[in-house]
């Protein structure tokens, strides 16, 4: 492997101001992260208008599923490509693919085309998230990464708040196609900045891409995502189709693990899981995804159905949770940078997450918006402690040559956690709502929720007063069950956090040599020569 060592200058380990070239690259990375996070939020708001023009209501869910499947399946592949052939080329390629998918999606003439082009978008999105975190791992010493990864968590929170508002405004004033076209100018800016300023070591490897491993992993992940997406909605959990998908997924993943022990250049080398910290961070990341996306799904539903909030402000409804997540994530990053220590954050974050979910489970039809906002802030503070610390510790637990794989694996576990969270909490919620409606409103209640346990504002307004009150009680009961389950699941994250072994990050005074099962970042970006 030949290296060309010209690169954007790393951030000084003493916490000094980042060189201009690095600041430009970080801005480009934030734009790329914004693209990946903002897209689904904007498109979700535009979906009713899209269906009205293109038709294909029966295939509506595939517009989201195709994107999610492609993102999840491609995430580990992008990480490995960056490790093998260079981070810059892989990242720029993912941006280009994402922009091509965005442009084609905006030009779609029917629902089939839109679904296909959304899959292309998803392929690029898988590389955006991984590329951002892996490039930060290359440029920024471990001691400094917390601060910058905290900024990326802020971008995620910003996208969740801004997305629905921007999506509604764009759709109303410019048309739904601009929900996709808006990606193009932002993507071009990120592409030009990365191309001009970022100069990471070039890599050439003799080993071939592990196509068999990539195929088995993609098949296994796709089967899991389809099971969690279709189970209990399109098909019953015990149906032949779901059982087939489970069988295919298990067989593919078992075959993948077997093959990874024999492949010359495995797509996900299993030795990274020998590090206790890396494995524990993967577990915590999975639980964080499980909880966060479940909360994002059910909190607006509760506030709209029970508290009478407007659906058009659905992004603002989550502001207490997302604002707390943003603030705490920034503080956690700064403290980690100043002290070089991090174990306190997984511990405190897990406790706050459990408490926040338990408090949210206590909400009923009489809970005020102020009270629910305070409960959300507790949950958001917990997630803020966990969001980027998991990535930081995972990266700090592997060698530089596995930085991309570590970043993609952590991202993948969080993505899978979100799929499981939405599916399992959603199934519990729907079951509880339908049971309560049958108990409180009899045959009318069963008829109201026979198609879906989630009613829009128009349908809710048309219900008789008794049925509407029964539905509000049912929703509060359903959210109680979902969040109570979330609090129990979050205990797993706390147990994992207890066993994290704190290895002071590079740059901390008196940092001992790591001994948790994997070589740490001995010299991440400090050995990279300054460019431009």
Protein backbone atom coordinates (compact mmCIF):
# COMPACT_ATOMS: atom_id res chain seq x y z
CA UNK A 1 0.00 0.00 0.00
CA UNK A 2 1.36 3.36 -1.03
CA UNK A 3 0.45 6.47 0.92
CA UNK A 4 0.46 10.05 -0.23
CA UNK A 5 0.66 11.98 2.98
CA UNK A 6 -0.62 15.41 1.98
CA UNK A 7 -3.72 16.08 4.02
CA UNK A 8 -5.82 18.70 5.66
CA UNK A 9 -4.11 19.66 8.89
CA UNK A 10 -5.32 17.92 12.02
CA UNK A 11 -6.72 19.82 14.92
CA UNK A 12 -4.13 20.60 17.54
CA UNK A 13 -4.35 18.29 20.52
CA UNK A 14 -4.10 21.16 22.96
CA UNK A 15 -7.55 22.33 21.97
CA UNK A 16 -6.23 25.16 19.80
CA UNK A 17 -8.11 26.63 16.91
CA UNK A 18 -8.48 24.32 13.93
CA UNK A 19 -6.61 25.31 10.76
CA UNK A 20 -8.78 26.97 8.12
CA UNK A 21 -8.56 23.95 5.82
CA UNK A 22 -9.95 21.67 8.51
CA UNK A 23 -12.75 24.12 9.33
CA UNK A 24 -13.77 24.15 5.66
CA UNK A 25 -13.76 20.34 5.56
CA UNK A 26 -15.82 20.16 8.76
CA UNK A 27 -18.37 22.55 7.26
CA UNK A 28 -18.60 20.30 4.20
CA UNK A 29 -19.04 17.26 6.45
CA UNK A 30 -21.84 19.00 8.35
CA UNK A 31 -23.60 19.76 5.06
CA UNK A 32 -23.28 16.11 4.02
CA UNK A 33 -24.68 14.98 7.38
CA UNK A 34 -27.53 17.45 6.98
CA UNK A 35 -28.30 16.00 3.54
CA UNK A 36 -28.54 12.46 4.87
CA UNK A 37 -30.70 13.39 7.89
CA UNK A 38 -32.86 16.10 6.34
CA UNK A 39 -33.98 14.18 3.27
CA UNK A 40 -36.35 11.72 4.94
CA UNK A 41 -37.84 14.44 7.13
CA UNK A 42 -38.61 16.68 4.15
CA UNK A 43 -39.91 13.87 1.94
CA UNK A 44 -42.17 12.53 4.71
CA UNK A 45 -44.02 15.86 4.83
CA UNK A 46 -44.39 15.91 1.03
CA UNK A 47 -45.72 12.35 0.71
CA UNK A 48 -49.47 13.20 0.66
CA UNK A 49 -48.88 15.60 -2.23
CA UNK A 50 -46.67 13.08 -4.06
CA UNK A 51 -49.33 10.38 -3.82
CA UNK A 52 -51.96 12.85 -5.03
CA UNK A 53 -49.98 13.48 -8.22
CA UNK A 54 -48.34 10.11 -8.94
CA UNK A 55 -50.95 7.77 -7.45
CA UNK A 56 -49.80 4.37 -6.21
CA UNK A 57 -51.09 4.70 -2.66
CA UNK A 58 -50.71 0.94 -2.16
CA UNK A 59 -46.95 1.28 -2.69
CA UNK A 60 -46.51 4.37 -0.53
CA UNK A 61 -44.54 2.62 2.22
CA UNK A 62 -41.94 1.49 -0.30
CA UNK A 63 -40.86 5.08 -0.90
CA UNK A 64 -39.43 5.04 2.64
CA UNK A 65 -38.59 1.33 2.79
CA UNK A 66 -36.49 1.38 -0.41
CA UNK A 67 -34.38 4.24 0.96
CA UNK A 68 -33.97 2.58 4.37
CA UNK A 69 -33.07 -0.81 2.90
CA UNK A 70 -30.46 0.62 0.54
CA UNK A 71 -28.94 2.77 3.30
CA UNK A 72 -28.69 -0.08 5.82
CA UNK A 73 -27.37 -2.63 3.32
CA UNK A 74 -24.72 -0.31 1.86
CA UNK A 75 -23.44 1.21 5.12
CA UNK A 76 -20.83 -1.49 5.98
CA UNK A 77 -19.72 -1.72 2.35
CA UNK A 78 -18.94 2.01 2.17
CA UNK A 79 -16.93 1.74 5.38
CA UNK A 80 -14.80 -1.08 4.00
CA UNK A 81 -14.29 0.67 0.64
CA UNK A 82 -12.98 3.73 2.48
CA UNK A 83 -10.54 1.58 4.46
CA UNK A 84 -9.32 -0.20 1.32
CA UNK A 85 -9.15 2.53 -1.30
CA UNK A 86 -9.18 5.84 0.56
CA UNK A 87 -11.77 7.80 2.49
CA UNK A 88 -11.97 10.82 0.18
CA UNK A 89 -12.80 8.93 -3.00
CA UNK A 90 -15.44 6.77 -1.31
CA UNK A 91 -17.04 9.79 0.35
CA UNK A 92 -17.18 11.87 -2.82
CA UNK A 93 -18.61 8.91 -4.74
CA UNK A 94 -21.37 8.53 -2.16
CA UNK A 95 -22.23 12.25 -2.48
CA UNK A 96 -22.44 11.95 -6.27
CA UNK A 97 -24.68 8.85 -6.07
CA UNK A 98 -26.92 10.59 -3.53
CA UNK A 99 -27.26 13.67 -5.77
CA UNK A 100 -28.02 11.51 -8.83
CA UNK A 101 -30.72 9.73 -6.85
CA UNK A 102 -32.12 13.09 -5.68
CA UNK A 103 -32.28 14.51 -9.20
CA UNK A 104 -33.90 11.38 -10.62
CA UNK A 105 -36.39 11.21 -7.74
CA UNK A 106 -37.46 14.77 -8.49
CA UNK A 107 -38.05 13.83 -12.13
CA UNK A 108 -40.08 10.68 -11.35
CA UNK A 109 -43.23 10.20 -13.44
CA UNK A 110 -44.81 7.36 -11.48
CA UNK A 111 -44.53 5.65 -8.10
CA UNK A 112 -42.39 2.81 -9.46
CA UNK A 113 -39.74 5.23 -10.71
CA UNK A 114 -39.77 7.14 -7.43
CA UNK A 115 -39.25 3.95 -5.41
CA UNK A 116 -36.32 2.90 -7.62
CA UNK A 117 -34.67 6.30 -7.52
CA UNK A 118 -35.14 6.51 -3.76
CA UNK A 119 -33.16 3.28 -3.52
CA UNK A 120 -30.34 4.99 -5.46
CA UNK A 121 -30.52 7.87 -3.00
CA UNK A 122 -30.29 5.40 -0.13
CA UNK A 123 -27.15 3.81 -1.57
CA UNK A 124 -25.45 7.20 -1.48
CA UNK A 125 -26.84 8.06 1.96
CA UNK A 126 -25.19 4.95 3.42
CA UNK A 127 -21.80 6.38 2.47
CA UNK A 128 -22.56 9.91 3.69
CA UNK A 129 -23.03 8.99 7.35
CA UNK A 130 -20.08 6.61 7.44
CA UNK A 131 -17.83 8.95 5.49
CA UNK A 132 -18.46 11.88 7.82
CA UNK A 133 -17.56 9.93 10.96
CA UNK A 134 -14.59 8.10 9.42
CA UNK A 135 -13.07 11.32 8.02
CA UNK A 136 -13.40 12.96 11.43
CA UNK A 137 -11.60 9.89 12.78
CA UNK A 138 -8.80 10.47 10.28
CA UNK A 139 -8.46 14.23 10.78
CA UNK A 140 -9.13 14.73 14.48
CA UNK A 141 -7.14 13.14 17.33
CA UNK A 142 -9.32 11.07 19.71
CA UNK A 143 -9.01 13.67 22.48
CA UNK A 144 -10.61 16.30 20.21
CA UNK A 145 -13.22 14.14 18.46
CA UNK A 146 -15.89 14.49 21.13
CA UNK A 147 -16.28 18.19 20.43
CA UNK A 148 -16.67 17.76 16.69
CA UNK A 149 -18.84 14.65 16.86
CA UNK A 150 -21.03 16.59 19.29
CA UNK A 151 -21.45 19.16 16.53
CA UNK A 152 -22.61 16.38 14.21
CA UNK A 153 -25.20 15.29 16.79
CA UNK A 154 -26.38 18.89 16.76
CA UNK A 155 -26.83 18.70 13.00
CA UNK A 156 -28.98 15.59 13.45
CA UNK A 157 -31.20 17.33 16.01
CA UNK A 158 -31.40 20.43 13.79
CA UNK A 159 -32.51 18.29 10.83
CA UNK A 160 -35.25 16.61 12.87
CA UNK A 161 -36.65 19.99 13.91
CA UNK A 162 -36.19 21.78 10.57
CA UNK A 163 -37.15 18.93 8.23
CA UNK A 164 -40.95 18.90 8.57
CA UNK A 165 -41.12 22.71 8.53
CA UNK A 166 -38.94 23.02 5.42
CA UNK A 167 -40.70 20.10 3.74
CA UNK A 168 -44.12 21.65 4.22
CA UNK A 169 -42.98 25.08 3.05
CA UNK A 170 -41.20 23.74 -0.05
CA UNK A 171 -44.16 21.55 -1.03
CA UNK A 172 -46.66 24.39 -0.60
CA UNK A 173 -44.68 27.04 -2.50
CA UNK A 174 -42.44 25.22 -4.99
CA UNK A 175 -44.00 21.79 -5.43
CA UNK A 176 -43.00 18.35 -4.12
CA UNK A 177 -40.23 17.82 -6.70
CA UNK A 178 -38.18 20.52 -4.99
CA UNK A 179 -38.16 18.35 -1.88
CA UNK A 180 -35.54 16.39 -3.82
CA UNK A 181 -33.99 19.17 -5.92
CA UNK A 182 -33.10 21.13 -2.76
CA UNK A 183 -30.39 18.51 -2.12
CA UNK A 184 -28.49 19.47 -5.28
CA UNK A 185 -27.03 22.90 -4.38
CA UNK A 186 -26.12 21.75 -0.87
CA UNK A 187 -24.50 18.60 -2.22
CA UNK A 188 -22.50 20.47 -4.84
CA UNK A 189 -21.14 22.85 -2.19
CA UNK A 190 -20.07 19.90 -0.02
CA UNK A 191 -18.56 18.13 -3.02
CA UNK A 192 -16.50 21.15 -4.11
CA UNK A 193 -15.25 21.85 -0.59
CA UNK A 194 -14.18 18.25 0.00
CA UNK A 195 -12.54 18.05 -3.42
CA UNK A 196 -10.56 21.27 -3.00
CA UNK A 197 -9.44 21.07 0.64
CA UNK A 198 -9.49 17.47 1.87
CA UNK A 199 -6.32 15.53 1.02
CA UNK A 200 -6.18 12.29 2.98
CA UNK A 201 -3.63 9.51 2.43
CA UNK A 202 -4.23 7.59 -0.77
CA UNK A 203 -4.53 3.87 -0.36
CA UNK A 204 -4.00 1.01 -2.75
CA UNK A 205 -4.56 -2.55 -1.67
CA UNK A 206 -3.93 -5.78 -3.52
CA UNK A 207 -6.85 -7.67 -1.96
CA UNK A 208 -10.13 -7.83 -3.86
CA UNK A 209 -13.44 -6.66 -2.48
CA UNK A 210 -15.21 -9.34 -0.48
CA UNK A 211 -18.20 -9.60 -2.82
CA UNK A 212 -19.60 -12.76 -1.22
CA UNK A 213 -19.42 -11.26 2.27
CA UNK A 214 -20.99 -8.02 1.05
CA UNK A 215 -23.81 -9.93 -0.63
CA UNK A 216 -24.54 -12.11 2.40
CA UNK A 217 -24.50 -9.11 4.73
CA UNK A 218 -26.76 -7.07 2.44
CA UNK A 219 -29.20 -10.00 2.17
CA UNK A 220 -29.24 -10.53 5.93
CA UNK A 221 -29.73 -6.82 6.73
CA UNK A 222 -32.42 -6.43 4.05
CA UNK A 223 -34.34 -9.38 5.45
CA UNK A 224 -34.19 -7.97 8.99
CA UNK A 225 -35.36 -4.52 7.87
CA UNK A 226 -38.23 -6.03 5.85
CA UNK A 227 -39.31 -8.17 8.82
CA UNK A 228 -39.40 -5.13 11.10
CA UNK A 229 -41.12 -3.02 8.42
CA UNK A 230 -43.77 -5.54 7.31
CA UNK A 231 -44.32 -7.49 10.53
CA UNK A 232 -47.69 -6.68 12.05
CA UNK A 233 -48.64 -4.30 9.21
CA UNK A 234 -48.38 -5.75 5.71
CA UNK A 235 -48.24 -9.32 7.08
CA UNK A 236 -49.01 -10.86 10.45
CA UNK A 237 -45.98 -11.79 12.56
CA UNK A 238 -46.70 -15.49 12.14
CA UNK A 239 -47.34 -15.39 8.39
CA UNK A 240 -45.38 -17.53 5.92
CA UNK A 241 -43.80 -14.44 4.33
CA UNK A 242 -42.40 -13.15 7.62
CA UNK A 243 -41.16 -16.62 8.58
CA UNK A 244 -39.45 -16.92 5.19
CA UNK A 245 -37.72 -13.57 5.65
CA UNK A 246 -36.57 -14.53 9.15
CA UNK A 247 -35.18 -17.81 7.83
CA UNK A 248 -33.38 -16.08 4.94
CA UNK A 249 -31.98 -13.40 7.25
CA UNK A 250 -30.68 -15.86 9.85
CA UNK A 251 -29.14 -18.12 7.19
CA UNK A 252 -27.48 -15.18 5.43
CA UNK A 253 -26.01 -13.74 8.64
CA UNK A 254 -24.74 -17.13 9.84
CA UNK A 255 -23.16 -17.65 6.43
CA UNK A 256 -21.69 -14.15 6.60
CA UNK A 257 -20.04 -14.77 9.99
CA UNK A 258 -18.66 -18.09 8.74
CA UNK A 259 -17.25 -16.52 5.59
CA UNK A 260 -15.68 -13.55 7.42
CA UNK A 261 -13.35 -15.97 9.22
CA UNK A 262 -12.01 -17.17 5.84
CA UNK A 263 -12.13 -14.15 3.50
CA UNK A 264 -8.81 -12.54 2.53
CA UNK A 265 -10.18 -9.01 3.03
CA UNK A 266 -13.42 -9.41 5.03
CA UNK A 267 -16.04 -6.71 4.60
CA UNK A 268 -16.45 -6.61 8.41
CA UNK A 269 -13.39 -8.15 10.09
CA UNK A 270 -14.60 -9.94 13.19
CA UNK A 271 -11.46 -9.13 15.16
CA UNK A 272 -12.84 -5.63 15.88
CA UNK A 273 -15.40 -7.30 18.16
CA UNK A 274 -12.60 -8.66 20.34
CA UNK A 275 -12.43 -5.19 21.82
CA UNK A 276 -14.77 -5.11 24.79
CA UNK A 277 -15.38 -1.40 24.41
CA UNK A 278 -16.23 -1.69 20.71
CA UNK A 279 -18.74 -4.47 21.34
CA UNK A 280 -20.32 -2.60 24.25
CA UNK A 281 -20.61 0.59 22.19
CA UNK A 282 -22.35 -1.40 19.44
CA UNK A 283 -24.90 -2.61 22.01
CA UNK A 284 -25.42 0.91 23.42
CA UNK A 285 -25.75 2.32 19.88
CA UNK A 286 -28.41 -0.28 19.06
CA UNK A 287 -30.41 0.61 22.19
CA UNK A 288 -30.07 4.35 21.52
CA UNK A 289 -31.46 3.87 18.00
CA UNK A 290 -34.26 1.68 19.39
CA UNK A 291 -35.31 4.35 21.87
CA UNK A 292 -34.78 7.51 19.84
CA UNK A 293 -36.76 6.62 16.74
CA UNK A 294 -39.52 5.06 18.81
CA UNK A 295 -39.81 8.34 20.71
CA UNK A 296 -39.76 10.40 17.51
CA UNK A 297 -42.65 8.27 16.21
CA UNK A 298 -44.94 8.26 19.26
CA UNK A 299 -44.42 11.63 20.91
CA UNK A 300 -45.93 13.70 18.04
CA UNK A 301 -48.76 11.17 17.79
CA UNK A 302 -49.55 11.57 21.49
CA UNK A 303 -49.35 15.36 21.39
CA UNK A 304 -51.56 15.61 18.31
CA UNK A 305 -54.16 13.04 19.35
CA UNK A 306 -54.34 13.66 23.12
CA UNK A 307 -53.05 17.19 23.66
CA UNK A 308 -54.57 18.67 20.49
CA UNK A 309 -51.35 20.02 19.00
CA UNK A 310 -51.17 20.95 15.32
CA UNK A 311 -49.70 18.36 12.96
CA UNK A 312 -48.05 21.07 10.86
CA UNK A 313 -45.72 21.87 13.77
CA UNK A 314 -44.71 18.23 14.33
CA UNK A 315 -41.03 19.11 14.26
CA UNK A 316 -41.43 21.79 16.93
CA UNK A 317 -43.30 19.34 19.16
CA UNK A 318 -40.02 17.49 19.67
CA UNK A 319 -38.04 20.65 20.47
CA UNK A 320 -37.65 19.92 24.24
CA UNK A 321 -36.15 16.49 23.52
CA UNK A 322 -34.02 17.52 20.55
CA UNK A 323 -32.90 20.77 22.14
CA UNK A 324 -31.74 18.95 25.27
CA UNK A 325 -30.02 16.34 23.12
CA UNK A 326 -28.18 19.06 21.19
CA UNK A 327 -27.08 21.00 24.30
CA UNK A 328 -25.92 17.96 26.26
CA UNK A 329 -24.14 16.48 23.25
CA UNK A 330 -22.15 19.70 22.82
CA UNK A 331 -21.30 19.80 26.54
CA UNK A 332 -20.30 16.13 26.53
CA UNK A 333 -18.01 16.71 23.57
CA UNK A 334 -16.38 19.72 25.22
CA UNK A 335 -15.86 17.94 28.54
CA UNK A 336 -14.39 14.91 26.78
CA UNK A 337 -12.02 17.18 24.86
CA UNK A 338 -10.88 18.97 28.02
CA UNK A 339 -10.52 15.90 30.25
CA UNK A 340 -9.90 13.02 27.84
CA UNK A 341 -12.37 10.91 29.84
CA UNK A 342 -15.74 9.63 28.78
CA UNK A 343 -17.12 6.71 30.84
CA UNK A 344 -19.34 8.99 32.91
CA UNK A 345 -21.42 9.85 29.83
CA UNK A 346 -22.62 6.33 28.89
CA UNK A 347 -23.47 5.77 32.56
CA UNK A 348 -25.31 9.05 33.14
CA UNK A 349 -26.88 8.92 29.67
CA UNK A 350 -28.29 5.44 30.22
CA UNK A 351 -29.75 6.41 33.60
CA UNK A 352 -31.36 9.56 32.17
CA UNK A 353 -32.72 7.58 29.23
CA UNK A 354 -34.34 5.02 31.56
CA UNK A 355 -35.79 7.76 33.79
CA UNK A 356 -37.01 9.84 30.83
CA UNK A 357 -38.77 6.88 29.23
CA UNK A 358 -40.35 5.88 32.54
CA UNK A 359 -41.63 9.44 33.03
CA UNK A 360 -43.05 9.51 29.49
CA UNK A 361 -44.80 6.22 30.25
CA UNK A 362 -46.72 8.03 33.02
CA UNK A 363 -48.42 10.47 30.63
CA UNK A 364 -52.20 10.29 30.39
CA UNK A 365 -55.05 12.34 28.96
CA UNK A 366 -54.55 15.02 31.61
CA UNK A 367 -50.81 15.56 31.18
CA UNK A 368 -49.97 19.16 30.22
CA UNK A 369 -47.61 20.14 27.43
CA UNK A 370 -45.23 21.66 29.98
CA UNK A 371 -45.03 18.39 31.90
CA UNK A 372 -44.54 16.26 28.79
CA UNK A 373 -41.93 18.76 27.58
CA UNK A 374 -39.95 18.34 30.81
CA UNK A 375 -40.13 14.55 30.48
CA UNK A 376 -38.90 14.81 26.88
CA UNK A 377 -36.00 17.01 27.99
CA UNK A 378 -34.86 14.30 30.42
CA UNK A 379 -34.90 11.71 27.62
CA UNK A 380 -33.14 14.10 25.26
CA UNK A 381 -30.40 14.77 27.81
CA UNK A 382 -29.81 11.03 28.11
CA UNK A 383 -29.55 10.55 24.37
CA UNK A 384 -27.26 13.57 24.13
CA UNK A 385 -24.82 11.82 26.45
CA UNK A 386 -24.85 8.72 24.23
CA UNK A 387 -25.24 9.76 20.61
CA UNK A 388 -21.67 10.60 19.66
CA UNK A 389 -19.78 9.17 22.61
CA UNK A 390 -20.64 5.71 21.25
CA UNK A 391 -18.96 6.56 17.94
CA UNK A 392 -15.96 8.16 19.66
CA UNK A 393 -15.24 5.17 21.92
CA UNK A 394 -15.83 2.69 19.07
CA UNK A 395 -13.29 4.50 16.89
CA UNK A 396 -10.87 4.72 19.79
CA UNK A 397 -11.06 0.93 20.20
CA UNK A 398 -9.74 -0.07 16.77
CA UNK A 399 -6.65 0.47 14.67
CA UNK A 400 -6.57 3.23 12.07
CA UNK A 401 -6.83 0.71 9.23
CA UNK A 402 -10.25 -0.34 10.56
CA UNK A 403 -11.60 3.18 11.13
CA UNK A 404 -14.14 2.96 8.29
CA UNK A 405 -15.36 -0.48 9.34
CA UNK A 406 -15.72 0.67 12.95
CA UNK A 407 -17.67 3.78 11.91
CA UNK A 408 -19.95 1.84 9.55
CA UNK A 409 -20.58 -0.95 12.07
CA UNK A 410 -21.57 1.51 14.79
CA UNK A 411 -23.85 3.35 12.35
CA UNK A 412 -25.35 0.05 11.19
CA UNK A 413 -26.18 -1.11 14.72
CA UNK A 414 -27.91 2.19 15.42
CA UNK A 415 -29.89 1.88 12.16
CA UNK A 416 -30.93 -1.68 12.99
CA UNK A 417 -31.89 -0.56 16.48
CA UNK A 418 -34.18 2.09 15.03
CA UNK A 419 -35.85 -0.50 12.77
CA UNK A 420 -36.47 -2.83 15.71
CA UNK A 421 -37.63 0.03 17.94
CA UNK A 422 -40.20 1.35 15.49
CA UNK A 423 -41.46 -2.18 14.73
CA UNK A 424 -41.65 -3.58 18.28
CA UNK A 425 -42.87 -0.43 20.02
CA UNK A 426 -45.27 0.16 17.12
CA UNK A 427 -46.72 -3.34 17.35
CA UNK A 428 -47.22 -2.96 21.10
CA UNK A 429 -48.80 0.47 20.65
CA UNK A 430 -51.22 -0.69 17.93
CA UNK A 431 -52.26 -3.77 19.89
CA UNK A 432 -52.91 -1.75 23.04
CA UNK A 433 -54.90 0.97 21.22
CA UNK A 434 -57.14 -1.56 19.49
CA UNK A 435 -57.76 -3.44 22.76
CA UNK A 436 -58.66 -0.28 24.68
CA UNK A 437 -60.91 1.01 21.89
CA UNK A 438 -62.78 -2.30 21.87
CA UNK A 439 -63.19 -2.13 25.66
CA UNK A 440 -64.30 1.51 25.86
CA UNK A 441 -66.19 2.05 22.62
CA UNK A 442 -67.39 -1.46 21.77
CA UNK A 443 -68.12 -2.28 18.12
CA UNK A 444 -67.65 1.36 17.07
CA UNK A 445 -64.19 1.42 18.64
CA UNK A 446 -63.16 -1.75 16.82
CA UNK A 447 -64.45 -0.35 13.54
CA UNK A 448 -62.61 2.94 14.01
CA UNK A 449 -59.22 1.24 14.45
CA UNK A 450 -59.66 -1.82 12.23
CA UNK A 451 -57.54 -0.29 9.46
CA UNK A 452 -54.96 1.51 11.61
CA UNK A 453 -54.47 2.43 15.25
CA UNK A 454 -53.19 5.84 14.14
CA UNK A 455 -55.83 8.36 13.06
CA UNK A 456 -55.10 11.65 11.36
CA UNK A 457 -56.55 14.91 12.67
CA UNK A 458 -59.39 14.97 10.12
CA UNK A 459 -60.54 11.44 11.00
CA UNK A 460 -60.31 12.17 14.73
CA UNK A 461 -62.44 15.31 14.39
CA UNK A 462 -65.23 13.34 12.67
CA UNK A 463 -65.59 10.85 15.54
CA UNK A 464 -68.47 11.13 18.02
CA UNK A 465 -67.41 12.69 21.31
CA UNK A 466 -67.50 9.38 23.21
CA UNK A 467 -65.41 7.60 20.55
CA UNK A 468 -62.93 10.50 20.39
CA UNK A 469 -62.44 10.47 24.16
CA UNK A 470 -62.03 6.69 24.06
CA UNK A 471 -59.40 7.06 21.34
CA UNK A 472 -57.48 9.68 23.31
CA UNK A 473 -57.45 7.36 26.32
CA UNK A 474 -56.37 4.47 24.06
CA UNK A 475 -53.47 6.49 22.61
CA UNK A 476 -52.26 7.50 26.08
CA UNK A 477 -52.49 3.84 27.11
CA UNK A 478 -50.60 2.76 23.98
CA UNK A 479 -47.81 5.28 24.55
CA UNK A 480 -47.62 4.14 28.18
CA UNK A 481 -46.96 0.56 27.04
CA UNK A 482 -44.49 1.58 24.33
CA UNK A 483 -42.40 3.84 26.57
CA UNK A 484 -42.50 1.41 29.47
CA UNK A 485 -41.05 -1.22 27.13
CA UNK A 486 -38.43 1.31 26.03
CA UNK A 487 -37.38 1.96 29.63
CA UNK A 488 -36.94 -1.78 30.23
CA UNK A 489 -34.88 -2.16 27.05
CA UNK A 490 -32.75 0.86 28.03
CA UNK A 491 -31.59 -1.04 31.13
CA UNK A 492 -29.46 -3.13 28.74
CA UNK A 493 -27.58 0.05 27.78
CA UNK A 494 -26.91 0.82 31.44
CA UNK A 495 -25.55 -2.69 32.05
CA UNK A 496 -23.29 -2.34 29.00
CA UNK A 497 -22.10 1.10 30.19
CA UNK A 498 -21.06 -0.33 33.57
CA UNK A 499 -18.60 -2.67 31.84
CA UNK A 500 -17.00 -0.02 29.63
CA UNK A 501 -13.30 0.23 30.40
CA UNK A 502 -12.13 3.81 30.32
CA UNK A 503 -8.93 4.13 28.31
CA UNK A 504 -8.00 7.85 28.35
CA UNK A 505 -8.08 9.26 24.85
CA UNK A 506 -4.93 10.26 23.06
CA UNK A 507 -3.81 13.62 24.32
CA UNK A 508 -4.83 13.03 27.93
CA UNK A 509 -2.03 13.47 30.40
CA UNK A 510 -0.56 10.23 31.57
CA UNK A 511 -2.68 8.12 29.24
CA UNK A 512 -1.84 4.49 29.74
CA UNK A 513 -1.39 2.06 26.92
CA UNK A 514 -4.65 0.41 25.93
CA UNK A 515 -5.24 -3.18 26.92
CA UNK A 516 -8.95 -3.73 26.23
CA UNK A 517 -8.43 -6.14 23.36
CA UNK A 518 -7.68 -3.85 20.43
CA UNK A 519 -4.95 -1.42 19.49
CA UNK A 520 -6.06 2.15 20.00
CA UNK A 521 -5.46 5.14 17.80
CA UNK A 522 -1.74 5.40 18.36
CA UNK A 523 -1.30 8.27 15.96
CA UNK A 524 -4.52 9.19 14.19
CA UNK A 525 -4.22 12.51 12.51
CA UNK A 526 -1.12 13.80 14.21
CA UNK A 527 1.08 12.06 11.67
CA UNK A 528 -0.74 13.56 8.72
CA UNK A 529 1.14 16.44 7.19
CA UNK A 530 -0.55 19.81 6.79
CA UNK A 531 -1.81 20.75 3.35
CA UNK A 532 -2.76 23.93 1.50
